[in-house]
């Protein structure tokens, strides 16, 4: 790419996750602790809030997209939380089963869960490297 064709990446817009049933997906993610910013059933979309940012997780209904058991090979989305081990306990209490026990990573801990369509979301913290997190 030449200099006159270059562009600057400013940050994330929405992350889109395909789902087979919008109502079921919204209920699942609400149990997992995601607040709904808006829902447009006629368009088959719902936006879940992630922190104080405007972009979020956009659930989009895809015709014929059935439930898939995890792990399904696809992109994983990881979101920062204050404490991933506490988040894992909260997921279990809400009836959302993590894929594994929280895993120690170089910056802290992470735990992943999958929705009924095989989309994998990770919750990770920076407890070992707080200077890198959003709340140092």
N, C-alpha and C. Protein backbone atom coordinates (compact mmCIF):
# COMPACT_ATOMS: atom_id res chain seq x y z
N UNK A 1 0.85 -1.17 0.00
CA UNK A 1 0.00 0.00 0.00
C UNK A 1 0.90 1.23 0.00
N UNK A 2 0.61 2.17 -0.87
CA UNK A 2 1.42 3.39 -0.94
C UNK A 2 0.98 4.38 0.13
N UNK A 3 1.83 5.41 0.37
CA UNK A 3 1.53 6.40 1.41
C UNK A 3 0.21 7.11 1.16
N UNK A 4 -0.13 7.41 -0.11
CA UNK A 4 -1.38 8.12 -0.38
C UNK A 4 -2.59 7.21 -0.24
N UNK A 5 -2.39 5.90 -0.10
CA UNK A 5 -3.48 4.96 0.10
C UNK A 5 -3.56 4.47 1.54
N UNK A 6 -2.66 4.90 2.38
CA UNK A 6 -2.63 4.40 3.75
C UNK A 6 -3.78 4.99 4.56
N UNK A 7 -4.01 4.38 5.68
CA UNK A 7 -5.06 4.83 6.58
C UNK A 7 -4.62 4.55 8.01
N UNK A 8 -5.30 5.17 8.92
CA UNK A 8 -4.99 5.02 10.34
C UNK A 8 -6.09 4.21 11.01
N UNK A 9 -5.73 3.20 11.77
CA UNK A 9 -6.70 2.44 12.55
C UNK A 9 -6.96 3.18 13.85
N UNK A 10 -8.20 3.55 14.09
CA UNK A 10 -8.54 4.35 15.26
C UNK A 10 -9.05 3.54 16.44
N UNK A 11 -9.51 2.34 16.19
CA UNK A 11 -10.05 1.53 17.26
C UNK A 11 -11.11 0.60 16.72
N UNK A 12 -11.73 -0.13 17.60
CA UNK A 12 -12.74 -1.09 17.20
C UNK A 12 -14.09 -0.42 17.00
N UNK A 13 -14.81 -0.89 16.01
CA UNK A 13 -16.23 -0.62 15.90
C UNK A 13 -16.88 -1.85 16.52
N UNK A 14 -18.01 -2.28 16.09
CA UNK A 14 -18.67 -3.44 16.68
C UNK A 14 -18.01 -4.75 16.23
N UNK A 15 -18.08 -5.75 17.10
CA UNK A 15 -17.69 -7.11 16.76
C UNK A 15 -19.00 -7.85 16.52
N UNK A 16 -19.16 -8.42 15.33
CA UNK A 16 -20.40 -9.11 14.97
C UNK A 16 -20.30 -10.60 15.26
N UNK A 17 -21.32 -11.14 15.93
CA UNK A 17 -21.40 -12.57 16.20
C UNK A 17 -22.68 -13.09 15.55
N UNK A 18 -22.58 -14.10 14.68
CA UNK A 18 -23.78 -14.68 14.08
C UNK A 18 -24.49 -15.58 15.07
N UNK A 19 -25.80 -15.49 15.11
CA UNK A 19 -26.61 -16.33 15.99
C UNK A 19 -27.81 -16.85 15.20
N UNK A 20 -28.39 -17.94 15.66
CA UNK A 20 -29.54 -18.52 14.99
C UNK A 20 -30.87 -18.02 15.50
N UNK A 21 -30.91 -17.54 16.74
CA UNK A 21 -32.16 -17.07 17.35
C UNK A 21 -31.84 -15.87 18.23
N UNK A 22 -32.34 -14.69 17.86
CA UNK A 22 -31.98 -13.46 18.57
C UNK A 22 -32.45 -13.47 20.02
N UNK A 23 -33.67 -13.90 20.27
CA UNK A 23 -34.18 -13.92 21.64
C UNK A 23 -33.37 -14.83 22.54
N UNK A 24 -33.04 -16.02 22.04
CA UNK A 24 -32.24 -16.96 22.81
C UNK A 24 -30.85 -16.39 23.06
N UNK A 25 -30.27 -15.76 22.03
CA UNK A 25 -28.92 -15.19 22.16
C UNK A 25 -28.90 -14.05 23.17
N UNK A 26 -29.87 -13.15 23.10
CA UNK A 26 -29.93 -12.03 24.04
C UNK A 26 -30.07 -12.56 25.46
N UNK A 27 -30.93 -13.54 25.67
CA UNK A 27 -31.09 -14.13 27.00
C UNK A 27 -29.80 -14.76 27.51
N UNK A 28 -29.11 -15.48 26.64
CA UNK A 28 -27.85 -16.12 27.01
C UNK A 28 -26.83 -15.08 27.45
N UNK A 29 -26.64 -14.03 26.64
CA UNK A 29 -25.62 -13.03 26.96
C UNK A 29 -26.02 -12.17 28.16
N UNK A 30 -27.30 -11.96 28.38
CA UNK A 30 -27.71 -11.25 29.60
C UNK A 30 -27.36 -12.09 30.83
N UNK A 31 -27.59 -13.40 30.78
CA UNK A 31 -27.20 -14.27 31.90
C UNK A 31 -25.70 -14.20 32.13
N UNK A 32 -24.93 -14.05 31.04
CA UNK A 32 -23.47 -13.97 31.14
C UNK A 32 -22.99 -12.60 31.60
N UNK A 33 -23.92 -11.65 31.82
CA UNK A 33 -23.56 -10.34 32.38
C UNK A 33 -23.44 -9.20 31.39
N UNK A 34 -23.89 -9.39 30.15
CA UNK A 34 -23.80 -8.34 29.14
C UNK A 34 -25.08 -7.53 29.11
N UNK A 35 -25.02 -6.22 29.35
CA UNK A 35 -26.22 -5.39 29.23
C UNK A 35 -26.55 -5.12 27.76
N UNK A 36 -27.83 -5.02 27.45
CA UNK A 36 -28.28 -4.76 26.08
C UNK A 36 -28.36 -3.25 25.86
N UNK A 37 -27.66 -2.76 24.84
CA UNK A 37 -27.71 -1.33 24.48
C UNK A 37 -28.97 -1.07 23.67
N UNK A 38 -29.25 -1.93 22.69
CA UNK A 38 -30.50 -1.84 21.93
C UNK A 38 -30.76 -3.18 21.26
N UNK A 39 -32.01 -3.35 20.87
CA UNK A 39 -32.44 -4.57 20.18
C UNK A 39 -33.44 -4.20 19.11
N UNK A 40 -33.19 -4.64 17.89
CA UNK A 40 -34.10 -4.40 16.77
C UNK A 40 -34.48 -5.76 16.18
N UNK A 41 -35.58 -6.32 16.69
CA UNK A 41 -35.99 -7.65 16.24
C UNK A 41 -36.29 -7.68 14.75
N UNK A 42 -36.89 -6.60 14.22
CA UNK A 42 -37.24 -6.57 12.79
C UNK A 42 -36.00 -6.62 11.90
N UNK A 43 -34.87 -6.17 12.41
CA UNK A 43 -33.61 -6.22 11.66
C UNK A 43 -32.77 -7.44 12.05
N UNK A 44 -33.20 -8.17 13.10
CA UNK A 44 -32.46 -9.34 13.55
C UNK A 44 -31.15 -9.03 14.22
N UNK A 45 -31.07 -7.88 14.92
CA UNK A 45 -29.82 -7.49 15.58
C UNK A 45 -30.07 -7.01 17.01
N UNK A 46 -29.05 -7.13 17.83
CA UNK A 46 -29.04 -6.57 19.18
C UNK A 46 -27.60 -6.20 19.50
N UNK A 47 -27.41 -5.06 20.14
CA UNK A 47 -26.07 -4.63 20.53
C UNK A 47 -25.90 -4.79 22.03
N UNK A 48 -24.82 -5.47 22.42
CA UNK A 48 -24.49 -5.65 23.83
C UNK A 48 -23.40 -4.66 24.20
N UNK A 49 -23.54 -4.02 25.35
CA UNK A 49 -22.54 -3.05 25.81
C UNK A 49 -21.30 -3.77 26.33
N UNK A 50 -20.16 -3.12 26.08
CA UNK A 50 -18.88 -3.60 26.62
C UNK A 50 -18.22 -2.39 27.27
N UNK A 51 -18.29 -2.31 28.58
CA UNK A 51 -17.72 -1.16 29.28
C UNK A 51 -18.43 0.12 28.90
N UNK A 52 -17.70 1.24 28.95
CA UNK A 52 -18.27 2.54 28.63
C UNK A 52 -18.11 2.93 27.18
N UNK A 53 -17.63 2.02 26.34
CA UNK A 53 -17.39 2.33 24.94
C UNK A 53 -18.69 2.24 24.14
N UNK A 54 -18.79 3.02 23.06
CA UNK A 54 -19.96 2.96 22.20
C UNK A 54 -20.02 1.67 21.41
N UNK A 55 -18.92 1.21 20.79
CA UNK A 55 -18.98 -0.08 20.10
C UNK A 55 -19.23 -1.20 21.10
N UNK A 56 -19.73 -2.30 20.59
CA UNK A 56 -19.99 -3.44 21.46
C UNK A 56 -20.00 -4.73 20.68
N UNK A 57 -20.69 -5.72 21.23
CA UNK A 57 -20.87 -7.00 20.58
C UNK A 57 -22.22 -6.95 19.87
N UNK A 58 -22.21 -7.06 18.57
CA UNK A 58 -23.45 -7.01 17.78
C UNK A 58 -23.87 -8.43 17.44
N UNK A 59 -25.00 -8.85 17.99
CA UNK A 59 -25.56 -10.15 17.66
C UNK A 59 -26.39 -9.98 16.41
N UNK A 60 -26.17 -10.83 15.42
CA UNK A 60 -26.91 -10.72 14.16
C UNK A 60 -27.46 -12.09 13.79
N UNK A 61 -28.76 -12.16 13.60
CA UNK A 61 -29.42 -13.41 13.22
C UNK A 61 -29.03 -13.78 11.79
N UNK A 62 -28.60 -15.01 11.63
CA UNK A 62 -28.26 -15.55 10.31
C UNK A 62 -29.22 -16.70 10.02
N UNK A 63 -29.96 -16.62 8.92
CA UNK A 63 -30.90 -17.69 8.55
C UNK A 63 -30.17 -19.02 8.43
N UNK A 64 -30.77 -20.04 9.02
CA UNK A 64 -30.22 -21.38 8.91
C UNK A 64 -28.99 -21.65 9.74
N UNK A 65 -28.63 -20.73 10.63
CA UNK A 65 -27.44 -20.90 11.46
C UNK A 65 -27.84 -21.65 12.72
N UNK A 66 -27.56 -22.96 12.74
CA UNK A 66 -27.95 -23.79 13.87
C UNK A 66 -26.95 -23.75 14.99
N UNK A 67 -27.36 -24.33 16.11
CA UNK A 67 -26.48 -24.41 17.26
C UNK A 67 -25.32 -25.34 16.95
N UNK A 68 -24.15 -25.01 17.48
CA UNK A 68 -22.93 -25.77 17.24
C UNK A 68 -22.20 -25.99 18.55
N UNK A 69 -21.73 -27.20 18.78
CA UNK A 69 -21.02 -27.44 20.04
C UNK A 69 -19.63 -26.81 20.01
N UNK A 70 -19.18 -26.25 21.14
CA UNK A 70 -17.82 -25.71 21.18
C UNK A 70 -16.82 -26.86 21.28
N UNK A 71 -15.56 -26.66 20.96
CA UNK A 71 -15.09 -25.44 20.29
C UNK A 71 -15.32 -25.54 18.78
N UNK A 72 -15.77 -24.50 18.21
CA UNK A 72 -15.99 -24.38 16.78
C UNK A 72 -14.89 -23.48 16.25
N UNK A 73 -14.17 -23.87 15.19
CA UNK A 73 -13.05 -23.05 14.74
C UNK A 73 -13.51 -21.69 14.20
N UNK A 74 -13.17 -20.63 14.88
CA UNK A 74 -13.52 -19.28 14.48
C UNK A 74 -12.71 -18.28 15.30
N UNK A 75 -12.94 -17.05 15.01
CA UNK A 75 -12.29 -15.98 15.76
C UNK A 75 -12.81 -15.99 17.19
N UNK A 76 -11.92 -15.74 18.13
CA UNK A 76 -12.33 -15.60 19.53
C UNK A 76 -12.26 -14.12 19.89
N UNK A 77 -13.19 -13.67 20.69
CA UNK A 77 -13.22 -12.29 21.17
C UNK A 77 -12.92 -12.33 22.66
N UNK A 78 -11.88 -11.61 23.08
CA UNK A 78 -11.56 -11.52 24.50
C UNK A 78 -11.85 -10.11 24.97
N UNK A 79 -12.47 -10.03 26.14
CA UNK A 79 -12.84 -8.75 26.75
C UNK A 79 -12.18 -8.64 28.11
N UNK A 80 -11.78 -7.43 28.46
CA UNK A 80 -11.13 -7.21 29.75
C UNK A 80 -12.16 -7.13 30.86
N UNK A 81 -11.86 -7.80 31.96
CA UNK A 81 -12.66 -7.74 33.19
C UNK A 81 -11.71 -7.49 34.35
N UNK A 82 -12.21 -7.01 35.49
CA UNK A 82 -11.31 -6.79 36.62
C UNK A 82 -10.70 -8.08 37.18
N UNK A 83 -11.48 -9.19 37.16
CA UNK A 83 -11.02 -10.44 37.77
C UNK A 83 -11.66 -11.60 37.01
N UNK A 84 -10.89 -12.30 36.19
CA UNK A 84 -11.42 -13.38 35.36
C UNK A 84 -11.87 -14.58 36.20
N UNK A 85 -11.18 -14.85 37.30
CA UNK A 85 -11.59 -15.99 38.14
C UNK A 85 -12.94 -15.71 38.79
N UNK A 86 -13.16 -14.49 39.22
CA UNK A 86 -14.46 -14.10 39.77
C UNK A 86 -15.54 -14.15 38.67
N UNK A 87 -15.17 -13.72 37.46
CA UNK A 87 -16.10 -13.77 36.34
C UNK A 87 -16.51 -15.21 36.05
N UNK A 88 -15.57 -16.15 36.14
CA UNK A 88 -15.88 -17.57 35.91
C UNK A 88 -16.90 -18.06 36.92
N UNK A 89 -16.74 -17.66 38.18
CA UNK A 89 -17.70 -18.06 39.21
C UNK A 89 -19.08 -17.46 38.91
N UNK A 90 -19.08 -16.19 38.45
CA UNK A 90 -20.34 -15.54 38.11
C UNK A 90 -21.03 -16.20 36.92
N UNK A 91 -20.25 -16.61 35.93
CA UNK A 91 -20.83 -17.32 34.78
C UNK A 91 -21.50 -18.61 35.23
N UNK A 92 -20.77 -19.39 36.04
CA UNK A 92 -21.33 -20.66 36.51
C UNK A 92 -22.61 -20.43 37.31
N UNK A 93 -22.62 -19.43 38.17
CA UNK A 93 -23.80 -19.12 38.98
C UNK A 93 -24.99 -18.73 38.11
N UNK A 94 -24.72 -18.16 36.93
CA UNK A 94 -25.79 -17.75 36.01
C UNK A 94 -26.18 -18.86 35.05
N UNK A 95 -25.56 -20.04 35.18
CA UNK A 95 -25.89 -21.15 34.31
C UNK A 95 -25.15 -21.16 32.98
N UNK A 96 -24.06 -20.38 32.89
CA UNK A 96 -23.23 -20.35 31.69
C UNK A 96 -21.95 -21.12 32.03
N UNK A 97 -21.73 -22.23 31.33
CA UNK A 97 -20.60 -23.10 31.64
C UNK A 97 -19.34 -22.66 30.90
N UNK A 98 -18.28 -22.30 31.62
CA UNK A 98 -17.01 -21.97 30.96
C UNK A 98 -16.47 -23.20 30.21
N UNK A 99 -15.68 -22.97 29.17
CA UNK A 99 -15.11 -24.07 28.40
C UNK A 99 -14.08 -24.84 29.22
N UNK A 100 -13.33 -24.15 30.07
CA UNK A 100 -12.32 -24.75 30.93
C UNK A 100 -12.25 -23.95 32.22
N UNK A 101 -11.40 -24.40 33.12
CA UNK A 101 -11.11 -23.62 34.32
C UNK A 101 -10.33 -22.38 33.90
N UNK A 102 -10.37 -21.30 34.70
CA UNK A 102 -9.55 -20.12 34.37
C UNK A 102 -8.09 -20.52 34.16
N UNK A 103 -7.50 -19.90 33.15
CA UNK A 103 -6.14 -20.21 32.75
C UNK A 103 -5.23 -19.04 33.08
N UNK A 104 -4.08 -19.33 33.68
CA UNK A 104 -3.09 -18.30 33.96
C UNK A 104 -2.38 -17.94 32.67
N UNK A 105 -2.35 -16.63 32.35
CA UNK A 105 -1.65 -16.12 31.18
C UNK A 105 -0.62 -15.10 31.67
N UNK A 106 0.20 -14.59 30.79
CA UNK A 106 1.29 -13.71 31.22
C UNK A 106 0.81 -12.41 31.86
N UNK A 107 -0.38 -11.94 31.51
CA UNK A 107 -0.88 -10.69 32.07
C UNK A 107 -1.83 -10.88 33.25
N UNK A 108 -2.32 -12.10 33.43
CA UNK A 108 -3.28 -12.35 34.51
C UNK A 108 -3.96 -13.69 34.33
N UNK A 109 -5.30 -13.65 34.25
CA UNK A 109 -6.11 -14.86 34.11
C UNK A 109 -7.12 -14.66 33.00
N UNK A 110 -7.56 -15.77 32.39
CA UNK A 110 -8.60 -15.70 31.38
C UNK A 110 -9.51 -16.92 31.50
N UNK A 111 -10.75 -16.73 31.12
CA UNK A 111 -11.73 -17.83 31.06
C UNK A 111 -12.55 -17.62 29.79
N UNK A 112 -12.88 -18.71 29.12
CA UNK A 112 -13.67 -18.61 27.89
C UNK A 112 -14.99 -19.36 28.06
N UNK A 113 -16.02 -18.87 27.35
CA UNK A 113 -17.29 -19.58 27.26
C UNK A 113 -17.78 -19.48 25.82
N UNK A 114 -18.68 -20.37 25.45
CA UNK A 114 -19.23 -20.37 24.09
C UNK A 114 -20.74 -20.24 24.17
N UNK A 115 -21.31 -19.49 23.22
CA UNK A 115 -22.76 -19.40 23.13
C UNK A 115 -23.27 -20.64 22.39
N UNK A 116 -24.59 -20.83 22.29
CA UNK A 116 -25.12 -22.03 21.64
C UNK A 116 -24.72 -22.17 20.17
N UNK A 117 -24.22 -21.13 19.53
CA UNK A 117 -23.84 -21.18 18.12
C UNK A 117 -22.34 -21.35 17.95
N UNK A 118 -21.62 -21.58 19.04
CA UNK A 118 -20.19 -21.84 18.98
C UNK A 118 -19.31 -20.61 19.00
N UNK A 119 -19.88 -19.41 19.13
CA UNK A 119 -19.07 -18.19 19.26
C UNK A 119 -18.38 -18.21 20.61
N UNK A 120 -17.07 -18.03 20.64
CA UNK A 120 -16.30 -18.10 21.88
C UNK A 120 -15.92 -16.69 22.33
N UNK A 121 -16.25 -16.39 23.60
CA UNK A 121 -15.91 -15.11 24.22
C UNK A 121 -15.00 -15.41 25.40
N UNK A 122 -13.88 -14.69 25.46
CA UNK A 122 -12.97 -14.83 26.59
C UNK A 122 -13.05 -13.60 27.48
N UNK A 123 -12.94 -13.83 28.76
CA UNK A 123 -12.90 -12.75 29.75
C UNK A 123 -11.51 -12.82 30.39
N UNK A 124 -10.76 -11.74 30.26
CA UNK A 124 -9.37 -11.75 30.72
C UNK A 124 -9.09 -10.56 31.61
N UNK A 125 -8.16 -10.74 32.54
CA UNK A 125 -7.80 -9.63 33.43
C UNK A 125 -6.31 -9.33 33.31
N UNK A 126 -5.91 -8.25 33.94
CA UNK A 126 -4.51 -7.82 33.94
C UNK A 126 -3.98 -7.78 35.37
N UNK A 127 -4.37 -8.77 36.16
CA UNK A 127 -3.96 -8.77 37.57
C UNK A 127 -2.46 -8.94 37.76
N UNK A 128 -1.76 -9.56 36.80
CA UNK A 128 -0.30 -9.71 36.89
C UNK A 128 0.43 -8.52 36.28
N UNK A 129 -0.23 -7.77 35.40
CA UNK A 129 0.37 -6.62 34.73
C UNK A 129 -0.63 -5.47 34.73
N UNK A 130 -1.01 -4.95 35.91
CA UNK A 130 -2.06 -3.94 35.98
C UNK A 130 -1.75 -2.67 35.19
N UNK A 131 -0.48 -2.38 34.96
CA UNK A 131 -0.13 -1.17 34.20
C UNK A 131 -0.61 -1.26 32.74
N UNK A 132 -0.92 -2.45 32.26
CA UNK A 132 -1.40 -2.63 30.89
C UNK A 132 -2.93 -2.57 30.77
N UNK A 133 -3.62 -2.68 31.91
CA UNK A 133 -5.07 -2.71 31.90
C UNK A 133 -5.72 -1.35 31.84
N UNK A 134 -7.01 -1.35 31.73
CA UNK A 134 -7.78 -0.11 31.68
C UNK A 134 -7.89 0.56 33.05
N UNK A 135 -7.67 -0.22 34.11
CA UNK A 135 -7.72 0.31 35.48
C UNK A 135 -6.41 -0.01 36.19
N UNK A 136 -5.34 0.72 35.87
CA UNK A 136 -4.04 0.42 36.50
C UNK A 136 -4.05 0.65 38.00
